[in-house]
Amino acid sequence: MSDTADPYDLDRFVQAQEQCYAQALSEIRSGRKTSHWMWFIFPQYEGLGHSPQSRYYSIKSVAEAKTYLYHRLLGPRLKECAEAALAADAKGAEDIFGPVDAKKLRSCATLFAWVSPSDGSVFHALLEKYFAGEPDGATLSLLGVSRADWDRRVPAQGS
């Protein structure tokens, strides 16, 4: 239940990560995800997933995404996992995460690239490395962000 100290109930992520964060990070670093943690390690915007877990761990607003990114524990963990994915010796995100979770990674990276203060974030780098710099269109649509707005806010690498 959320309250004024945690209006977005981010503690749901903290609790979920408590038992498996080290395992998730280890799997990403090894280049192969083998257990189930994607929903609460790389959260997506609400409306993309339909399973109970996906709905429970979805980010429901830009404000919630920003709060997650700047959370004392969740933000650094999200960045650490994203950096581990970048450092992995893999040709594509599907090599690490499989086809379904690679889509979730793209959605998550799109969301957090949009709310990050600079175009040099680890989330922009994930999109560049694994998705040819292309954001997830469904995430942009749910955010109410046009492709033109994305391109103005998040210029392509080398632009």
N, C-alpha and C. Protein backbone atom coordinates (compact mmCIF):
# COMPACT_ATOMS: atom_id res chain seq x y z
N MET A 1 0.84 -1.18 0.00
CA MET A 1 0.00 0.00 0.00
C MET A 1 0.88 1.24 0.00
N SER A 2 0.58 2.20 -0.84
CA SER A 2 1.40 3.40 -0.90
C SER A 2 0.96 4.39 0.16
N ASP A 3 1.88 5.24 0.54
CA ASP A 3 1.58 6.31 1.48
C ASP A 3 2.37 7.53 1.06
N THR A 4 2.36 8.58 1.88
CA THR A 4 3.03 9.81 1.48
C THR A 4 4.54 9.64 1.39
N ALA A 5 5.12 8.72 2.15
CA ALA A 5 6.56 8.49 2.08
C ALA A 5 6.95 7.69 0.84
N ASP A 6 6.03 6.92 0.31
CA ASP A 6 6.26 6.08 -0.88
C ASP A 6 5.00 6.10 -1.74
N PRO A 7 4.70 7.25 -2.36
CA PRO A 7 3.41 7.39 -3.06
C PRO A 7 3.24 6.43 -4.24
N TYR A 8 4.32 5.89 -4.76
CA TYR A 8 4.23 4.97 -5.90
C TYR A 8 4.41 3.51 -5.49
N ASP A 9 4.52 3.27 -4.19
CA ASP A 9 4.74 1.92 -3.68
C ASP A 9 5.95 1.28 -4.35
N LEU A 10 7.05 2.04 -4.42
CA LEU A 10 8.28 1.49 -4.99
C LEU A 10 8.85 0.37 -4.12
N ASP A 11 8.38 0.30 -2.88
CA ASP A 11 8.83 -0.78 -2.02
C ASP A 11 8.48 -2.14 -2.60
N ARG A 12 7.48 -2.21 -3.48
CA ARG A 12 7.15 -3.49 -4.12
C ARG A 12 8.34 -4.00 -4.93
N PHE A 13 9.11 -3.10 -5.53
CA PHE A 13 10.31 -3.48 -6.28
C PHE A 13 11.44 -3.87 -5.33
N VAL A 14 11.61 -3.08 -4.28
CA VAL A 14 12.66 -3.37 -3.30
C VAL A 14 12.44 -4.77 -2.72
N GLN A 15 11.21 -5.06 -2.33
CA GLN A 15 10.90 -6.37 -1.75
C GLN A 15 11.14 -7.50 -2.77
N ALA A 16 10.72 -7.29 -4.00
CA ALA A 16 10.90 -8.32 -5.03
C ALA A 16 12.37 -8.58 -5.32
N GLN A 17 13.17 -7.52 -5.31
CA GLN A 17 14.60 -7.66 -5.62
C GLN A 17 15.41 -8.23 -4.46
N GLU A 18 14.86 -8.19 -3.26
CA GLU A 18 15.60 -8.58 -2.07
C GLU A 18 16.24 -9.96 -2.19
N GLN A 19 15.49 -10.92 -2.69
CA GLN A 19 15.98 -12.30 -2.75
C GLN A 19 16.70 -12.65 -4.04
N CYS A 20 16.57 -11.81 -5.09
CA CYS A 20 17.10 -12.27 -6.37
C CYS A 20 17.99 -11.26 -7.10
N TYR A 21 18.24 -10.10 -6.52
CA TYR A 21 19.01 -9.10 -7.25
C TYR A 21 20.40 -9.62 -7.62
N ALA A 22 21.10 -10.21 -6.68
CA ALA A 22 22.46 -10.71 -6.96
C ALA A 22 22.42 -11.78 -8.06
N GLN A 23 21.41 -12.64 -8.02
CA GLN A 23 21.26 -13.68 -9.04
C GLN A 23 20.99 -13.05 -10.41
N ALA A 24 20.11 -12.06 -10.46
CA ALA A 24 19.79 -11.39 -11.73
C ALA A 24 21.04 -10.74 -12.31
N LEU A 25 21.77 -10.03 -11.49
CA LEU A 25 22.98 -9.36 -11.96
C LEU A 25 24.00 -10.38 -12.45
N SER A 26 24.14 -11.48 -11.73
CA SER A 26 25.06 -12.55 -12.14
C SER A 26 24.66 -13.14 -13.49
N GLU A 27 23.37 -13.35 -13.69
CA GLU A 27 22.90 -13.90 -14.96
C GLU A 27 23.17 -12.94 -16.11
N ILE A 28 22.92 -11.66 -15.89
CA ILE A 28 23.18 -10.67 -16.94
C ILE A 28 24.67 -10.65 -17.27
N ARG A 29 25.49 -10.64 -16.24
CA ARG A 29 26.95 -10.62 -16.45
C ARG A 29 27.44 -11.86 -17.16
N SER A 30 26.79 -12.99 -16.91
CA SER A 30 27.20 -14.24 -17.57
C SER A 30 26.71 -14.29 -19.02
N GLY A 31 25.80 -13.38 -19.37
CA GLY A 31 25.30 -13.33 -20.73
C GLY A 31 24.10 -14.21 -21.00
N ARG A 32 23.46 -14.73 -19.92
CA ARG A 32 22.30 -15.60 -20.14
C ARG A 32 21.35 -15.55 -18.96
N LYS A 33 20.17 -14.99 -19.17
CA LYS A 33 19.13 -14.95 -18.15
C LYS A 33 18.49 -16.33 -18.06
N THR A 34 18.42 -16.88 -16.85
CA THR A 34 17.87 -18.22 -16.68
C THR A 34 16.74 -18.29 -15.65
N SER A 35 16.50 -17.23 -14.92
CA SER A 35 15.41 -17.25 -13.93
C SER A 35 14.45 -16.09 -14.20
N HIS A 36 13.45 -15.95 -13.34
CA HIS A 36 12.34 -15.04 -13.61
C HIS A 36 12.38 -13.80 -12.71
N TRP A 37 12.81 -12.68 -13.27
CA TRP A 37 12.93 -11.43 -12.51
C TRP A 37 12.77 -10.19 -13.39
N MET A 38 12.51 -10.36 -14.63
CA MET A 38 12.53 -9.23 -15.57
C MET A 38 11.57 -8.12 -15.17
N TRP A 39 10.38 -8.47 -14.69
CA TRP A 39 9.35 -7.47 -14.38
C TRP A 39 9.82 -6.43 -13.38
N PHE A 40 10.57 -6.85 -12.39
CA PHE A 40 10.94 -5.91 -11.32
C PHE A 40 12.40 -5.48 -11.35
N ILE A 41 13.18 -6.00 -12.28
CA ILE A 41 14.55 -5.51 -12.48
C ILE A 41 14.57 -4.48 -13.61
N PHE A 42 13.86 -4.76 -14.69
CA PHE A 42 13.74 -3.84 -15.83
C PHE A 42 12.25 -3.53 -16.06
N PRO A 43 11.65 -2.70 -15.22
CA PRO A 43 10.20 -2.47 -15.34
C PRO A 43 9.81 -1.73 -16.61
N GLN A 44 8.60 -2.00 -17.05
CA GLN A 44 8.04 -1.38 -18.25
C GLN A 44 6.90 -0.43 -17.85
N TYR A 45 6.48 0.36 -18.82
CA TYR A 45 5.36 1.26 -18.61
C TYR A 45 4.05 0.47 -18.61
N GLU A 46 3.12 0.93 -17.82
CA GLU A 46 1.81 0.27 -17.71
C GLU A 46 1.12 0.17 -19.07
N GLY A 47 0.53 -0.99 -19.32
CA GLY A 47 -0.21 -1.19 -20.55
C GLY A 47 0.49 -2.10 -21.54
N LEU A 48 1.74 -2.46 -21.27
CA LEU A 48 2.48 -3.30 -22.20
C LEU A 48 2.33 -4.78 -21.90
N GLY A 49 2.30 -5.13 -20.65
CA GLY A 49 2.19 -6.53 -20.27
C GLY A 49 0.81 -6.84 -19.74
N HIS A 50 0.42 -8.10 -19.82
CA HIS A 50 -0.93 -8.48 -19.41
C HIS A 50 -0.95 -9.51 -18.29
N SER A 51 0.20 -10.05 -17.93
CA SER A 51 0.23 -11.01 -16.83
C SER A 51 0.04 -10.26 -15.51
N PRO A 52 -0.39 -10.96 -14.47
CA PRO A 52 -0.52 -10.29 -13.17
C PRO A 52 0.80 -9.66 -12.70
N GLN A 53 1.93 -10.35 -12.92
CA GLN A 53 3.22 -9.80 -12.51
C GLN A 53 3.55 -8.54 -13.30
N SER A 54 3.32 -8.58 -14.58
CA SER A 54 3.61 -7.43 -15.42
C SER A 54 2.79 -6.22 -15.00
N ARG A 55 1.53 -6.44 -14.73
CA ARG A 55 0.67 -5.33 -14.30
C ARG A 55 1.09 -4.81 -12.93
N TYR A 56 1.40 -5.70 -12.01
CA TYR A 56 1.77 -5.30 -10.66
C TYR A 56 3.06 -4.47 -10.65
N TYR A 57 4.03 -4.88 -11.46
CA TYR A 57 5.33 -4.20 -11.48
C TYR A 57 5.45 -3.13 -12.57
N SER A 58 4.36 -2.78 -13.21
CA SER A 58 4.45 -1.74 -14.24
C SER A 58 4.63 -0.36 -13.61
N ILE A 59 5.27 0.50 -14.37
CA ILE A 59 5.44 1.91 -13.99
C ILE A 59 4.23 2.65 -14.55
N LYS A 60 3.55 3.39 -13.70
CA LYS A 60 2.26 3.95 -14.09
C LYS A 60 2.26 5.41 -14.51
N SER A 61 3.40 6.08 -14.42
CA SER A 61 3.46 7.49 -14.84
C SER A 61 4.92 7.89 -15.05
N VAL A 62 5.10 8.99 -15.75
CA VAL A 62 6.45 9.55 -15.91
C VAL A 62 7.01 9.93 -14.55
N ALA A 63 6.17 10.47 -13.69
CA ALA A 63 6.62 10.85 -12.34
C ALA A 63 7.12 9.62 -11.57
N GLU A 64 6.41 8.51 -11.69
CA GLU A 64 6.85 7.29 -11.02
C GLU A 64 8.18 6.81 -11.61
N ALA A 65 8.33 6.88 -12.92
CA ALA A 65 9.59 6.47 -13.56
C ALA A 65 10.75 7.33 -13.06
N LYS A 66 10.54 8.62 -12.96
CA LYS A 66 11.60 9.51 -12.45
C LYS A 66 11.92 9.19 -11.00
N THR A 67 10.89 8.94 -10.21
CA THR A 67 11.10 8.61 -8.80
C THR A 67 11.88 7.29 -8.68
N TYR A 68 11.56 6.32 -9.52
CA TYR A 68 12.28 5.05 -9.54
C TYR A 68 13.75 5.30 -9.89
N LEU A 69 13.97 6.08 -10.93
CA LEU A 69 15.33 6.35 -11.41
C LEU A 69 16.19 7.01 -10.33
N TYR A 70 15.57 7.87 -9.52
CA TYR A 70 16.31 8.59 -8.48
C TYR A 70 16.19 7.96 -7.10
N HIS A 71 15.54 6.81 -7.01
CA HIS A 71 15.44 6.08 -5.75
C HIS A 71 16.84 5.67 -5.30
N ARG A 72 17.11 5.75 -4.03
CA ARG A 72 18.45 5.48 -3.48
C ARG A 72 18.96 4.07 -3.78
N LEU A 73 18.08 3.10 -3.92
CA LEU A 73 18.47 1.72 -4.19
C LEU A 73 18.10 1.28 -5.61
N LEU A 74 16.88 1.55 -6.01
CA LEU A 74 16.39 1.06 -7.30
C LEU A 74 17.09 1.70 -8.49
N GLY A 75 17.32 3.00 -8.44
CA GLY A 75 18.01 3.68 -9.55
C GLY A 75 19.40 3.12 -9.80
N PRO A 76 20.25 3.05 -8.76
CA PRO A 76 21.57 2.46 -8.97
C PRO A 76 21.53 1.01 -9.43
N ARG A 77 20.59 0.24 -8.92
CA ARG A 77 20.48 -1.16 -9.36
C ARG A 77 20.07 -1.25 -10.82
N LEU A 78 19.11 -0.42 -11.23
CA LEU A 78 18.68 -0.41 -12.63
C LEU A 78 19.85 -0.06 -13.54
N LYS A 79 20.60 0.95 -13.16
CA LYS A 79 21.77 1.35 -13.96
C LYS A 79 22.83 0.26 -13.96
N GLU A 80 23.06 -0.38 -12.82
CA GLU A 80 24.07 -1.44 -12.74
C GLU A 80 23.69 -2.61 -13.66
N CYS A 81 22.43 -2.99 -13.65
CA CYS A 81 21.99 -4.08 -14.53
C CYS A 81 22.06 -3.67 -16.00
N ALA A 82 21.72 -2.44 -16.30
CA ALA A 82 21.82 -1.95 -17.68
C ALA A 82 23.27 -1.93 -18.13
N GLU A 83 24.16 -1.48 -17.26
CA GLU A 83 25.59 -1.47 -17.59
C GLU A 83 26.12 -2.89 -17.79
N ALA A 84 25.65 -3.83 -16.97
CA ALA A 84 26.05 -5.23 -17.13
C ALA A 84 25.58 -5.77 -18.49
N ALA A 85 24.38 -5.42 -18.88
CA ALA A 85 23.87 -5.85 -20.20
C ALA A 85 24.71 -5.24 -21.32
N LEU A 86 25.10 -3.99 -21.16
CA LEU A 86 25.96 -3.35 -22.16
C LEU A 86 27.31 -4.04 -22.27
N ALA A 87 27.84 -4.46 -21.13
CA ALA A 87 29.17 -5.07 -21.09
C ALA A 87 29.17 -6.53 -21.52
N ALA A 88 27.99 -7.13 -21.59
CA ALA A 88 27.91 -8.55 -21.94
C ALA A 88 28.43 -8.79 -23.35
N ASP A 89 29.07 -9.91 -23.51
CA ASP A 89 29.59 -10.30 -24.83
C ASP A 89 28.47 -11.00 -25.59
N ALA A 90 27.57 -10.18 -26.13
CA ALA A 90 26.42 -10.72 -26.85
C ALA A 90 26.18 -9.89 -28.10
N LYS A 91 25.75 -10.55 -29.15
CA LYS A 91 25.44 -9.84 -30.40
C LYS A 91 24.12 -9.09 -30.29
N GLY A 92 23.20 -9.64 -29.53
CA GLY A 92 21.89 -9.01 -29.40
C GLY A 92 21.30 -9.25 -28.03
N ALA A 93 20.30 -8.46 -27.70
CA ALA A 93 19.63 -8.61 -26.41
C ALA A 93 18.97 -9.98 -26.28
N GLU A 94 18.51 -10.53 -27.41
CA GLU A 94 17.89 -11.86 -27.37
C GLU A 94 18.86 -12.93 -26.91
N ASP A 95 20.15 -12.75 -27.19
CA ASP A 95 21.16 -13.71 -26.74
C ASP A 95 21.21 -13.79 -25.22
N ILE A 96 21.00 -12.67 -24.56
CA ILE A 96 21.05 -12.61 -23.10
C ILE A 96 19.69 -12.94 -22.49
N PHE A 97 18.65 -12.30 -23.01
CA PHE A 97 17.35 -12.30 -22.35
C PHE A 97 16.30 -13.21 -23.00
N GLY A 98 16.57 -13.69 -24.21
CA GLY A 98 15.54 -14.41 -24.96
C GLY A 98 14.63 -13.40 -25.65
N PRO A 99 13.82 -13.87 -26.62
CA PRO A 99 13.05 -12.92 -27.44
C PRO A 99 11.98 -12.13 -26.68
N VAL A 100 11.30 -12.74 -25.75
CA VAL A 100 10.23 -12.03 -25.02
C VAL A 100 10.83 -10.98 -24.10
N ASP A 101 11.82 -11.36 -23.32
CA ASP A 101 12.40 -10.42 -22.37
C ASP A 101 13.28 -9.37 -23.04
N ALA A 102 13.79 -9.66 -24.22
CA ALA A 102 14.52 -8.62 -24.98
C ALA A 102 13.57 -7.47 -25.32
N LYS A 103 12.32 -7.80 -25.63
CA LYS A 103 11.32 -6.76 -25.89
C LYS A 103 11.06 -5.94 -24.64
N LYS A 104 11.02 -6.60 -23.50
CA LYS A 104 10.82 -5.89 -22.23
C LYS A 104 12.01 -4.97 -21.94
N LEU A 105 13.22 -5.43 -22.25
CA LEU A 105 14.40 -4.60 -22.07
C LEU A 105 14.30 -3.34 -22.93
N ARG A 106 13.88 -3.51 -24.16
CA ARG A 106 13.74 -2.36 -25.06
C ARG A 106 12.70 -1.37 -24.53
N SER A 107 11.59 -1.89 -24.03
CA SER A 107 10.55 -1.04 -23.45
C SER A 107 11.08 -0.28 -22.24
N CYS A 108 11.77 -1.00 -21.36
CA CYS A 108 12.34 -0.38 -20.17
C CYS A 108 13.36 0.69 -20.55
N ALA A 109 14.25 0.36 -21.47
CA ALA A 109 15.27 1.32 -21.89
C ALA A 109 14.64 2.56 -22.52
N THR A 110 13.57 2.38 -23.27
CA THR A 110 12.88 3.52 -23.87
C THR A 110 12.29 4.41 -22.79
N LEU A 111 11.61 3.81 -21.83
CA LEU A 111 11.01 4.58 -20.73
C LEU A 111 12.06 5.38 -19.98
N PHE A 112 13.14 4.71 -19.57
CA PHE A 112 14.12 5.40 -18.74
C PHE A 112 15.04 6.31 -19.54
N ALA A 113 15.21 6.06 -20.82
CA ALA A 113 15.92 7.03 -21.66
C ALA A 113 15.11 8.32 -21.75
N TRP A 114 13.79 8.18 -21.85
CA TRP A 114 12.92 9.35 -21.97
C TRP A 114 12.98 10.21 -20.70
N VAL A 115 13.03 9.58 -19.54
CA VAL A 115 13.01 10.35 -18.29
C VAL A 115 14.40 10.70 -17.78
N SER A 116 15.44 10.19 -18.43
CA SER A 116 16.81 10.52 -18.02
C SER A 116 17.15 11.94 -18.43
N PRO A 117 18.00 12.59 -17.65
CA PRO A 117 18.30 14.00 -17.93
C PRO A 117 19.21 14.25 -19.12
N SER A 118 19.87 13.22 -19.64
CA SER A 118 20.78 13.47 -20.76
C SER A 118 20.65 12.36 -21.79
N ASP A 119 21.11 12.68 -23.01
CA ASP A 119 21.05 11.66 -24.06
C ASP A 119 22.23 10.70 -23.99
N GLY A 120 23.08 10.85 -22.99
CA GLY A 120 24.21 9.95 -22.85
C GLY A 120 24.00 8.89 -21.78
N SER A 121 22.75 8.64 -21.40
CA SER A 121 22.49 7.68 -20.33
C SER A 121 22.76 6.25 -20.78
N VAL A 122 22.87 5.37 -19.81
CA VAL A 122 23.06 3.95 -20.08
C VAL A 122 21.86 3.39 -20.85
N PHE A 123 20.70 3.99 -20.68
CA PHE A 123 19.50 3.51 -21.38
C PHE A 123 19.55 3.85 -22.86
N HIS A 124 20.07 5.02 -23.17
CA HIS A 124 20.30 5.38 -24.57
C HIS A 124 21.31 4.41 -25.19
N ALA A 125 22.35 4.10 -24.42
CA ALA A 125 23.39 3.18 -24.91
C ALA A 125 22.82 1.79 -25.16
N LEU A 126 21.92 1.32 -24.29
CA LEU A 126 21.27 0.02 -24.53
C LEU A 126 20.49 0.03 -25.84
N LEU A 127 19.74 1.10 -26.06
CA LEU A 127 18.98 1.20 -27.31
C LEU A 127 19.92 1.20 -28.51
N GLU A 128 21.03 1.91 -28.40
CA GLU A 128 22.00 1.96 -29.49
C GLU A 128 22.61 0.58 -29.75
N LYS A 129 23.08 -0.07 -28.70
CA LYS A 129 23.80 -1.33 -28.87
C LYS A 129 22.91 -2.46 -29.37
N TYR A 130 21.74 -2.60 -28.77
CA TYR A 130 20.93 -3.78 -29.05
C TYR A 130 19.74 -3.55 -29.98
N PHE A 131 19.37 -2.29 -30.20
CA PHE A 131 18.15 -2.02 -30.98
C PHE A 131 18.37 -0.95 -32.04
N ALA A 132 19.62 -0.79 -32.48
CA ALA A 132 19.97 0.18 -33.54
C ALA A 132 19.47 1.58 -33.22
N GLY A 133 19.41 1.89 -31.91
CA GLY A 133 18.98 3.22 -31.49
C GLY A 133 17.49 3.45 -31.56
N GLU A 134 16.74 2.42 -31.92
CA GLU A 134 15.29 2.55 -32.10
C GLU A 134 14.54 2.33 -30.79
N PRO A 135 13.75 3.30 -30.37
CA PRO A 135 12.94 3.13 -29.16
C PRO A 135 11.78 2.17 -29.41
N ASP A 136 11.17 1.73 -28.35
CA ASP A 136 9.98 0.89 -28.45
C ASP A 136 8.77 1.77 -28.76
N GLY A 137 8.17 1.54 -29.91
CA GLY A 137 7.04 2.36 -30.35
C GLY A 137 5.84 2.28 -29.43
N ALA A 138 5.55 1.10 -28.88
CA ALA A 138 4.41 0.97 -27.98
C ALA A 138 4.61 1.78 -26.71
N THR A 139 5.84 1.79 -26.20
CA THR A 139 6.13 2.59 -25.01
C THR A 139 5.96 4.07 -25.31
N LEU A 140 6.49 4.52 -26.44
CA LEU A 140 6.32 5.92 -26.82
C LEU A 140 4.84 6.28 -26.91
N SER A 141 4.06 5.41 -27.51
CA SER A 141 2.63 5.68 -27.66
C SER A 141 1.94 5.81 -26.30
N LEU A 142 2.24 4.89 -25.39
CA LEU A 142 1.64 4.95 -24.05
C LEU A 142 2.09 6.19 -23.28
N LEU A 143 3.31 6.63 -23.53
CA LEU A 143 3.81 7.85 -22.90
C LEU A 143 3.23 9.11 -23.53
N GLY A 144 2.61 8.95 -24.71
CA GLY A 144 2.10 10.11 -25.43
C GLY A 144 3.21 10.90 -26.10
N VAL A 145 4.29 10.20 -26.46
CA VAL A 145 5.47 10.83 -27.07
C VAL A 145 5.49 10.48 -28.55
N SER A 146 5.50 11.48 -29.40
CA SER A 146 5.60 11.23 -30.84
C SER A 146 7.04 10.89 -31.19
N ARG A 147 7.21 10.26 -32.34
CA ARG A 147 8.57 9.95 -32.79
C ARG A 147 9.36 11.25 -33.01
N ALA A 148 8.71 12.28 -33.49
CA ALA A 148 9.38 13.57 -33.69
C ALA A 148 9.84 14.15 -32.35
N ASP A 149 9.00 14.03 -31.32
CA ASP A 149 9.40 14.51 -29.99
C ASP A 149 10.58 13.69 -29.46
N TRP A 150 10.53 12.38 -29.68
CA TRP A 150 11.65 11.52 -29.25
C TRP A 150 12.93 11.96 -29.94
N ASP A 151 12.86 12.14 -31.25
CA ASP A 151 14.06 12.50 -32.01
C ASP A 151 14.61 13.86 -31.59
N ARG A 152 13.75 14.79 -31.22
CA ARG A 152 14.22 16.09 -30.73
C ARG A 152 14.87 15.95 -29.36
N ARG A 153 14.26 15.14 -28.50
CA ARG A 153 14.73 15.00 -27.12
C ARG A 153 15.92 14.04 -27.02
N VAL A 154 15.92 13.02 -27.87
CA VAL A 154 16.93 11.97 -27.81
C VAL A 154 17.58 11.86 -29.18
N PRO A 155 18.50 12.75 -29.51
CA PRO A 155 19.12 12.69 -30.84
C PRO A 155 19.91 11.41 -31.03
N ALA A 156 19.96 10.96 -32.26
CA ALA A 156 20.72 9.74 -32.59
C ALA A 156 22.19 9.95 -32.26
N GLN A 157 22.86 8.88 -31.90
CA GLN A 157 24.29 8.95 -31.62
C GLN A 157 25.01 9.49 -32.85
N GLY A 158 25.95 10.37 -32.62
CA GLY A 158 26.72 10.93 -33.71
C GLY A 158 26.07 12.14 -34.35
N SER A 159 24.85 12.50 -33.87
CA SER A 159 24.16 13.68 -34.43
C SER A 159 24.70 14.94 -33.83
